[in-house]
Amino acid sequence: MKKGIYLFTFVFCLALNGQIFAQGWEQVGREGDWKNTAGIVSMNGYLYSLENNGTLFRTDKTGRYEQLGKAGSFANVEFGVALDGEIWTIENGNLYRNDARTLAWIQIGKSGDWKNTAAAAAMDGKLYTIETDGTLYETSKDGSWRPIGNKGEFKEVSMLQAMDSYLWTIENGTLYRTSIKAMRWEQISKEGDFAETIAMVAEGGFLWSVEQDGTLFKNDKNGNYQQVGEKGLLKDVNMIAAMGGRLYVVENGTLYRTTN
């Protein structure tokens, strides 16, 4: 991705079925502001980002950011998700819910109950986690939890997303979706189509994925996909998020977002 000054916009295009699909990007904030970022979640019109030293920041749509709480307050966070206006974190195997405005927090469930968590996502007011042995769990806000499906059924999962009341997983390079209500899963993509995927986010009824070579793809719910933009354009991107119908990426410590 080309570098530029604040809010410098550039456009790349994709020709498909005789039409041109343009996707613009603009820099948000100052260059290098995100060089120490370890993870991002979007919620309530803000990006919440965690620094490598455990400090939490909130960034608005203009790129203006503020530190939340004391520096290093979240140094032990292993996983963080946005759930119904709160930030839920797993720290040293314990589950916490944090008020995004006041950062008042409470522990949920018993200490150590989430020590084996390997992936986490939030959906329909509940937390879904996959343990290192591949077992899927559903946790309610009161801390009660239950296993979903058979023990070890998700042991090959490398990525987890929640969208439209389904859990979407990549397993051995193939995309699957799981209906919690029906307790049924189905293969969505062709086998191996997602073998090179390194980042994925759900937005606007689509899964947006970035390949190892930096190519962006837009994937619909039926396994159909299209390349968006030039091959390798996002080769230096190491994280992706979505908010308000836009994609946000961090590249070489700088934040960018789509313009349309």
Protein backbone atom coordinates (compact mmCIF):
# COMPACT_ATOMS: atom_id res chain seq x y z
CA MET A 1 0.00 0.00 0.00
CA LYS A 2 1.36 3.42 -0.90
CA LYS A 3 2.14 5.71 1.96
CA GLY A 4 0.85 9.28 2.13
CA ILE A 5 -0.05 12.16 4.36
CA TYR A 6 -3.03 12.19 6.68
CA LEU A 7 -6.17 11.06 4.85
CA PHE A 8 -4.27 10.61 1.60
CA THR A 9 -6.59 8.60 -0.64
CA PHE A 10 -5.61 6.20 -3.38
CA VAL A 11 -7.70 3.86 -5.47
CA PHE A 12 -7.21 0.42 -6.87
CA CYS A 13 -9.57 -1.31 -9.28
CA LEU A 14 -10.75 -4.79 -10.17
CA ALA A 15 -12.14 -5.75 -13.55
CA LEU A 16 -14.83 -8.42 -13.27
CA ASN A 17 -17.48 -9.44 -15.81
CA GLY A 18 -16.76 -6.34 -17.84
CA GLN A 19 -17.25 -3.95 -14.91
CA ILE A 20 -14.74 -2.01 -12.87
CA PHE A 21 -14.94 -2.35 -9.10
CA ALA A 22 -13.06 0.48 -7.40
CA GLN A 23 -11.97 0.34 -3.80
CA GLY A 24 -10.42 3.43 -2.27
CA TRP A 25 -8.25 3.57 0.82
CA GLU A 26 -7.31 6.47 3.03
CA GLN A 27 -4.82 6.87 5.85
CA VAL A 28 -6.40 7.49 9.25
CA GLY A 29 -4.38 9.40 11.80
CA ARG A 30 -0.64 9.81 11.73
CA GLU A 31 1.88 7.47 10.18
CA GLY A 32 3.25 4.97 12.70
CA ASP A 33 0.62 5.57 15.39
CA TRP A 34 -0.25 1.86 15.36
CA LYS A 35 3.24 0.38 15.33
CA ASN A 36 2.85 -1.16 18.79
CA THR A 37 -0.68 -2.50 18.30
CA ALA A 38 -1.27 -6.12 19.26
CA GLY A 39 -4.99 -6.39 18.48
CA ILE A 40 -8.16 -4.49 17.51
CA VAL A 41 -11.90 -4.79 18.11
CA SER A 42 -14.60 -2.43 16.80
CA MET A 43 -17.60 -1.37 18.85
CA ASN A 44 -19.98 1.56 19.30
CA GLY A 45 -18.39 3.52 16.45
CA TYR A 46 -14.86 3.24 17.84
CA LEU A 47 -11.81 1.05 17.37
CA TYR A 48 -10.44 -0.34 20.62
CA SER A 49 -6.81 -1.33 20.28
CA LEU A 50 -4.45 -3.05 22.67
CA GLU A 51 -0.76 -2.20 22.66
CA ASN A 52 2.01 -4.74 23.17
CA ASN A 53 2.52 -3.43 26.71
CA GLY A 54 -1.13 -4.01 27.64
CA THR A 55 -2.36 -0.43 27.30
CA LEU A 56 -5.84 0.08 25.84
CA PHE A 57 -6.72 2.90 23.41
CA ARG A 58 -9.95 4.10 21.82
CA THR A 59 -9.86 5.68 18.36
CA ASP A 60 -12.68 7.58 16.65
CA LYS A 61 -13.40 7.80 12.94
CA THR A 62 -11.11 10.81 12.47
CA GLY A 63 -8.10 8.99 13.88
CA ARG A 64 -8.18 10.83 17.20
CA TYR A 65 -7.31 8.45 20.01
CA GLU A 66 -7.21 8.41 23.79
CA GLN A 67 -5.74 6.07 26.35
CA LEU A 68 -8.27 4.20 28.48
CA GLY A 69 -7.26 3.35 32.02
CA LYS A 70 -3.74 2.99 33.29
CA ALA A 71 -0.87 1.97 31.06
CA GLY A 72 -0.46 -1.80 31.07
CA SER A 73 -3.86 -2.51 32.66
CA PHE A 74 -4.53 -5.23 30.09
CA ALA A 75 -1.05 -6.73 30.03
CA ASN A 76 -2.37 -10.25 30.65
CA VAL A 77 -5.03 -10.29 27.93
CA GLU A 78 -4.88 -13.35 25.70
CA PHE A 79 -8.19 -12.83 23.85
CA GLY A 80 -10.55 -9.88 23.52
CA VAL A 81 -13.95 -9.57 21.82
CA ALA A 82 -16.70 -6.97 21.61
CA LEU A 83 -19.97 -8.23 23.05
CA ASP A 84 -23.09 -6.06 23.41
CA GLY A 85 -21.22 -2.83 24.07
CA GLU A 86 -18.63 -4.36 26.40
CA ILE A 87 -15.12 -5.66 25.97
CA TRP A 88 -14.82 -9.27 27.10
CA THR A 89 -11.30 -10.48 27.79
CA ILE A 90 -9.62 -13.72 28.75
CA GLU A 91 -6.64 -13.13 31.03
CA ASN A 92 -4.60 -15.90 32.59
CA GLY A 93 -7.46 -18.27 31.88
CA ASN A 94 -10.06 -16.05 33.58
CA LEU A 95 -13.00 -14.36 31.83
CA TYR A 96 -13.80 -10.67 32.43
CA ARG A 97 -16.36 -8.22 31.10
CA ASN A 98 -15.21 -4.60 30.91
CA ASP A 99 -17.43 -1.53 30.59
CA ALA A 100 -16.11 0.25 27.49
CA ARG A 101 -16.83 3.69 28.96
CA THR A 102 -15.70 3.39 32.57
CA LEU A 103 -13.48 0.27 32.30
CA ALA A 104 -15.22 -1.07 35.40
CA TRP A 105 -14.78 -4.81 35.22
CA ILE A 106 -16.13 -7.95 36.79
CA GLN A 107 -14.95 -11.53 36.59
CA ILE A 108 -17.33 -13.98 34.95
CA GLY A 109 -17.38 -17.64 35.92
CA LYS A 110 -14.74 -19.52 37.85
CA SER A 111 -11.03 -18.77 37.78
CA GLY A 112 -9.16 -20.81 35.20
CA ASP A 113 -12.23 -22.02 33.32
CA TRP A 114 -10.90 -20.49 30.08
CA LYS A 115 -7.23 -21.43 30.46
CA ASN A 116 -7.31 -23.70 27.41
CA THR A 117 -8.96 -21.24 25.03
CA ALA A 118 -7.54 -21.21 21.50
CA ALA A 119 -10.09 -18.99 19.71
CA ALA A 120 -13.01 -16.73 20.67
CA ALA A 121 -15.92 -14.90 19.00
CA ALA A 122 -19.11 -13.17 20.14
CA MET A 123 -22.55 -13.68 18.61
CA ASP A 124 -26.17 -13.07 19.60
CA GLY A 125 -25.31 -12.04 23.15
CA LYS A 126 -23.07 -15.01 23.91
CA LEU A 127 -19.40 -15.86 23.83
CA TYR A 128 -18.15 -18.81 21.79
CA THR A 129 -14.73 -20.29 22.47
CA ILE A 130 -12.78 -23.20 21.08
CA GLU A 131 -10.41 -25.01 23.40
CA THR A 132 -7.03 -26.39 22.47
CA ASP A 133 -8.54 -29.89 22.24
CA GLY A 134 -11.00 -28.64 19.60
CA THR A 135 -14.13 -28.53 21.77
CA LEU A 136 -16.55 -25.63 21.23
CA TYR A 137 -18.19 -23.90 24.21
CA GLU A 138 -21.00 -21.38 24.54
CA THR A 139 -20.89 -18.95 27.49
CA SER A 140 -23.81 -16.80 28.64
CA LYS A 141 -23.37 -13.42 30.30
CA ASP A 142 -23.95 -14.92 33.75
CA GLY A 143 -20.92 -17.17 33.29
CA SER A 144 -22.81 -20.40 32.71
CA TRP A 145 -21.39 -22.42 29.85
CA ARG A 146 -22.01 -25.58 27.89
CA PRO A 147 -20.14 -27.58 25.27
CA ILE A 148 -21.50 -27.41 21.73
CA GLY A 149 -21.27 -30.46 19.52
CA ASN A 150 -18.90 -33.34 20.07
CA LYS A 151 -15.66 -33.18 22.01
CA GLY A 152 -12.76 -32.19 19.76
CA GLU A 153 -14.99 -31.50 16.76
CA PHE A 154 -13.18 -28.22 15.98
CA LYS A 155 -9.61 -29.33 16.59
CA GLU A 156 -8.46 -28.33 13.10
CA VAL A 157 -9.77 -24.74 13.31
CA SER A 158 -7.24 -22.00 12.53
CA MET A 159 -9.65 -19.02 12.31
CA LEU A 160 -13.05 -18.21 13.82
CA GLN A 161 -15.60 -15.52 12.91
CA ALA A 162 -19.26 -14.93 13.79
CA MET A 163 -21.77 -13.65 11.21
CA ASP A 164 -25.54 -13.88 10.74
CA SER A 165 -26.03 -16.36 13.60
CA TYR A 166 -23.43 -18.74 12.19
CA LEU A 167 -19.90 -19.50 13.31
CA TRP A 168 -17.52 -19.44 10.35
CA THR A 169 -14.32 -21.42 10.64
CA ILE A 170 -11.31 -22.21 8.51
CA GLU A 171 -10.16 -25.79 8.99
CA ASN A 172 -7.27 -27.22 7.01
CA GLY A 173 -7.65 -24.39 4.51
CA THR A 174 -11.38 -24.93 3.94
CA LEU A 175 -14.25 -22.65 5.00
CA TYR A 176 -17.14 -24.07 7.05
CA ARG A 177 -20.17 -22.58 8.75
CA THR A 178 -21.91 -23.94 11.82
CA SER A 179 -25.49 -23.28 12.86
CA ILE A 180 -25.71 -23.23 16.66
CA LYS A 181 -29.51 -23.50 16.60
CA ALA A 182 -29.60 -26.50 14.30
CA MET A 183 -26.32 -27.95 15.56
CA ARG A 184 -25.29 -28.58 11.99
CA TRP A 185 -22.18 -27.62 10.04
CA GLU A 186 -21.54 -27.53 6.32
CA GLN A 187 -18.60 -26.98 4.03
CA ILE A 188 -18.89 -23.67 2.19
CA SER A 189 -15.77 -23.28 0.08
CA LYS A 190 -13.99 -25.71 -2.14
CA GLU A 191 -11.42 -27.73 -0.27
CA GLY A 192 -8.23 -25.73 0.29
CA ASP A 193 -9.57 -22.40 -1.02
CA PHE A 194 -8.54 -20.68 2.24
CA ALA A 195 -5.20 -22.39 2.71
CA GLU A 196 -3.30 -19.11 2.28
CA THR A 197 -5.60 -16.93 4.41
CA ILE A 198 -3.84 -15.07 7.23
CA ALA A 199 -6.59 -12.64 8.34
CA MET A 200 -10.38 -12.57 8.10
CA VAL A 201 -13.22 -10.30 9.24
CA ALA A 202 -17.00 -10.30 8.79
CA GLU A 203 -18.70 -7.13 7.54
CA GLY A 204 -21.87 -6.37 5.58
CA GLY A 205 -22.84 -10.01 5.13
CA PHE A 206 -19.46 -10.93 3.62
CA LEU A 207 -16.23 -12.43 4.87
CA TRP A 208 -13.21 -10.37 3.86
CA SER A 209 -9.97 -12.30 3.82
CA VAL A 210 -6.33 -11.43 3.24
CA GLU A 211 -3.96 -13.97 1.72
CA GLN A 212 -0.31 -14.50 2.61
CA ASP A 213 0.74 -12.59 -0.50
CA GLY A 214 -1.39 -9.59 0.56
CA THR A 215 -4.32 -10.11 -1.80
CA LEU A 216 -7.80 -9.18 -0.53
CA PHE A 217 -10.88 -11.30 -1.27
CA LYS A 218 -14.59 -10.74 -0.73
CA ASN A 219 -16.40 -14.00 0.10
CA ASP A 220 -20.16 -14.44 0.14
CA LYS A 221 -22.18 -16.86 2.27
CA ASN A 222 -22.25 -19.51 -0.45
CA GLY A 223 -18.52 -19.81 -0.98
CA ASN A 224 -18.33 -17.51 -4.00
CA TYR A 225 -15.43 -15.08 -3.91
CA GLN A 226 -13.84 -12.30 -5.90
CA GLN A 227 -10.46 -10.66 -5.71
CA VAL A 228 -10.66 -7.02 -4.66
CA GLY A 229 -7.88 -4.76 -5.85
CA GLU A 230 -4.44 -5.55 -7.11
CA LYS A 231 -2.80 -8.82 -6.22
CA GLY A 232 -0.54 -8.34 -3.19
CA LEU A 233 -1.70 -4.79 -2.41
CA LEU A 234 -2.01 -5.55 1.32
CA LYS A 235 1.22 -7.53 1.59
CA ASP A 236 2.39 -5.58 4.64
CA VAL A 237 -0.94 -5.75 6.50
CA ASN A 238 -0.87 -7.69 9.78
CA MET A 239 -4.40 -7.11 11.11
CA ILE A 240 -7.85 -6.26 9.78
CA ALA A 241 -11.05 -4.98 11.38
CA ALA A 242 -14.44 -3.70 10.22
CA MET A 243 -16.67 -0.86 11.39
CA GLY A 244 -19.57 1.05 9.90
CA GLY A 245 -19.37 -0.70 6.56
CA ARG A 246 -15.66 -0.05 6.13
CA LEU A 247 -12.57 -2.19 6.41
CA TYR A 248 -9.65 -1.03 8.56
CA VAL A 249 -6.15 -2.42 8.26
CA VAL A 250 -2.86 -1.81 10.03
CA GLU A 251 0.12 -1.76 7.71
CA ASN A 252 3.65 -1.08 8.91
CA GLY A 253 2.23 0.63 11.99
CA THR A 254 -0.19 2.93 10.12
CA LEU A 255 -4.00 2.68 10.06
CA TYR A 256 -5.93 2.74 6.77
CA ARG A 257 -9.59 2.30 5.90
CA THR A 258 -11.69 1.83 2.79
CA THR A 259 -13.47 4.90 1.44
CA ASN A 260 -16.41 3.13 -0.24
